[in-house]
Amino acid sequence: MAEIIGYIACILTTLSQIPQIYSIIKYKKVEGISLAYYFVLLVSILFWVVYGILIGDKFVTFCNIIVVIFILTIMFLINKYKNQTKNPQ
């Protein structure tokens, strides 16, 4: 049972990044999104990757590598759109 809960947590953590990526790509706006938050999150998830490797848990390692990719994508998009001017109306 504990293993199933761990799998669900890993999957949900991985999927939780998708709405943010979608929103940034769709609206091309990053106002109010903290780059510092994503940096700290990236560091913590990298520790999860190392932990997964150390305990030999391929699922934990794989899920967190995917999260790292998603976080790096978000950080790239934040940098890409942070200085974009608003459309005048």
Protein backbone atom coordinates (compact mmCIF):
# COMPACT_ATOMS: atom_id res chain seq x y z
CA MET A 1 0.00 0.00 0.00
CA ALA A 2 2.82 2.43 0.85
CA GLU A 3 4.40 1.76 -2.54
CA ILE A 4 1.13 2.55 -4.36
CA ILE A 5 0.83 5.84 -2.46
CA GLY A 6 4.41 6.66 -3.44
CA TYR A 7 3.66 5.96 -7.11
CA ILE A 8 0.56 8.15 -7.01
CA ALA A 9 2.53 10.96 -5.34
CA CYS A 10 5.28 10.71 -7.97
CA ILE A 11 2.81 10.78 -10.85
CA LEU A 12 0.85 13.73 -9.43
CA THR A 13 4.02 15.70 -8.70
CA THR A 14 5.15 15.12 -12.27
CA LEU A 15 1.80 16.09 -13.77
CA SER A 16 1.46 19.16 -11.55
CA GLN A 17 3.94 21.09 -13.69
CA ILE A 18 2.01 20.69 -16.94
CA PRO A 19 -0.69 23.35 -16.30
CA GLN A 20 1.99 25.99 -15.62
CA ILE A 21 3.87 25.13 -18.81
CA TYR A 22 0.62 25.17 -20.80
CA SER A 23 -0.42 28.53 -19.36
CA ILE A 24 2.92 30.19 -20.10
CA ILE A 25 2.99 28.89 -23.67
CA LYS A 26 -0.64 29.80 -24.33
CA TYR A 27 -0.60 33.33 -22.88
CA LYS A 28 3.14 34.11 -23.19
CA LYS A 29 2.96 35.85 -19.81
CA VAL A 30 5.00 35.12 -16.72
CA GLU A 31 3.97 37.98 -14.45
CA GLY A 32 3.73 36.79 -10.88
CA ILE A 33 5.69 33.58 -11.49
CA SER A 34 8.74 33.43 -9.25
CA LEU A 35 11.98 32.26 -10.84
CA ALA A 36 13.47 31.94 -7.34
CA TYR A 37 10.70 29.50 -6.38
CA TYR A 38 11.45 27.31 -9.38
CA PHE A 39 15.18 27.44 -8.64
CA VAL A 40 14.62 26.18 -5.08
CA LEU A 41 12.16 23.58 -6.38
CA LEU A 42 14.75 22.46 -8.96
CA VAL A 43 17.39 21.97 -6.27
CA SER A 44 14.99 19.99 -4.08
CA ILE A 45 13.89 17.76 -6.97
CA LEU A 46 17.54 17.14 -7.89
CA PHE A 47 18.00 15.83 -4.35
CA TRP A 48 15.04 13.50 -4.96
CA VAL A 49 16.77 12.24 -8.11
CA VAL A 50 19.93 11.53 -6.14
CA TYR A 51 17.88 9.87 -3.39
CA GLY A 52 16.12 7.65 -5.94
CA ILE A 53 19.48 6.62 -7.38
CA LEU A 54 20.96 5.92 -3.92
CA ILE A 55 18.07 3.69 -2.86
CA GLY A 56 17.86 2.06 -6.27
CA ASP A 57 14.26 3.15 -6.93
CA LYS A 58 13.97 3.60 -10.69
CA PHE A 59 10.42 4.95 -10.48
CA VAL A 60 11.32 7.75 -8.05
CA THR A 61 14.39 8.56 -10.12
CA PHE A 62 12.47 8.58 -13.43
CA CYS A 63 9.54 10.67 -12.15
CA ASN A 64 11.84 13.26 -10.68
CA ILE A 65 14.00 13.47 -13.79
CA ILE A 66 10.81 14.28 -15.73
CA VAL A 67 9.98 16.96 -13.13
CA VAL A 68 13.49 18.42 -13.54
CA ILE A 69 12.89 18.66 -17.30
CA PHE A 70 9.53 20.36 -16.71
CA ILE A 71 11.04 22.81 -14.20
CA LEU A 72 13.88 23.67 -16.56
CA THR A 73 11.27 24.25 -19.27
CA ILE A 74 9.35 26.61 -16.99
CA MET A 75 12.54 28.46 -16.03
CA PHE A 76 13.45 28.82 -19.71
CA LEU A 77 9.97 30.16 -20.50
CA ILE A 78 10.13 32.61 -17.58
CA ASN A 79 13.40 33.99 -18.93
CA LYS A 80 12.05 34.06 -22.47
CA TYR A 81 8.88 36.01 -21.65
CA LYS A 82 9.90 38.07 -18.60
CA ASN A 83 10.72 41.24 -20.54
CA GLN A 84 7.98 40.94 -23.10
CA THR A 85 5.96 44.13 -23.29
CA LYS A 86 2.22 44.12 -22.93
CA ASN A 87 0.13 44.61 -26.03
CA PRO A 88 -1.31 48.14 -26.09
CA GLN A 89 -5.08 48.30 -26.34
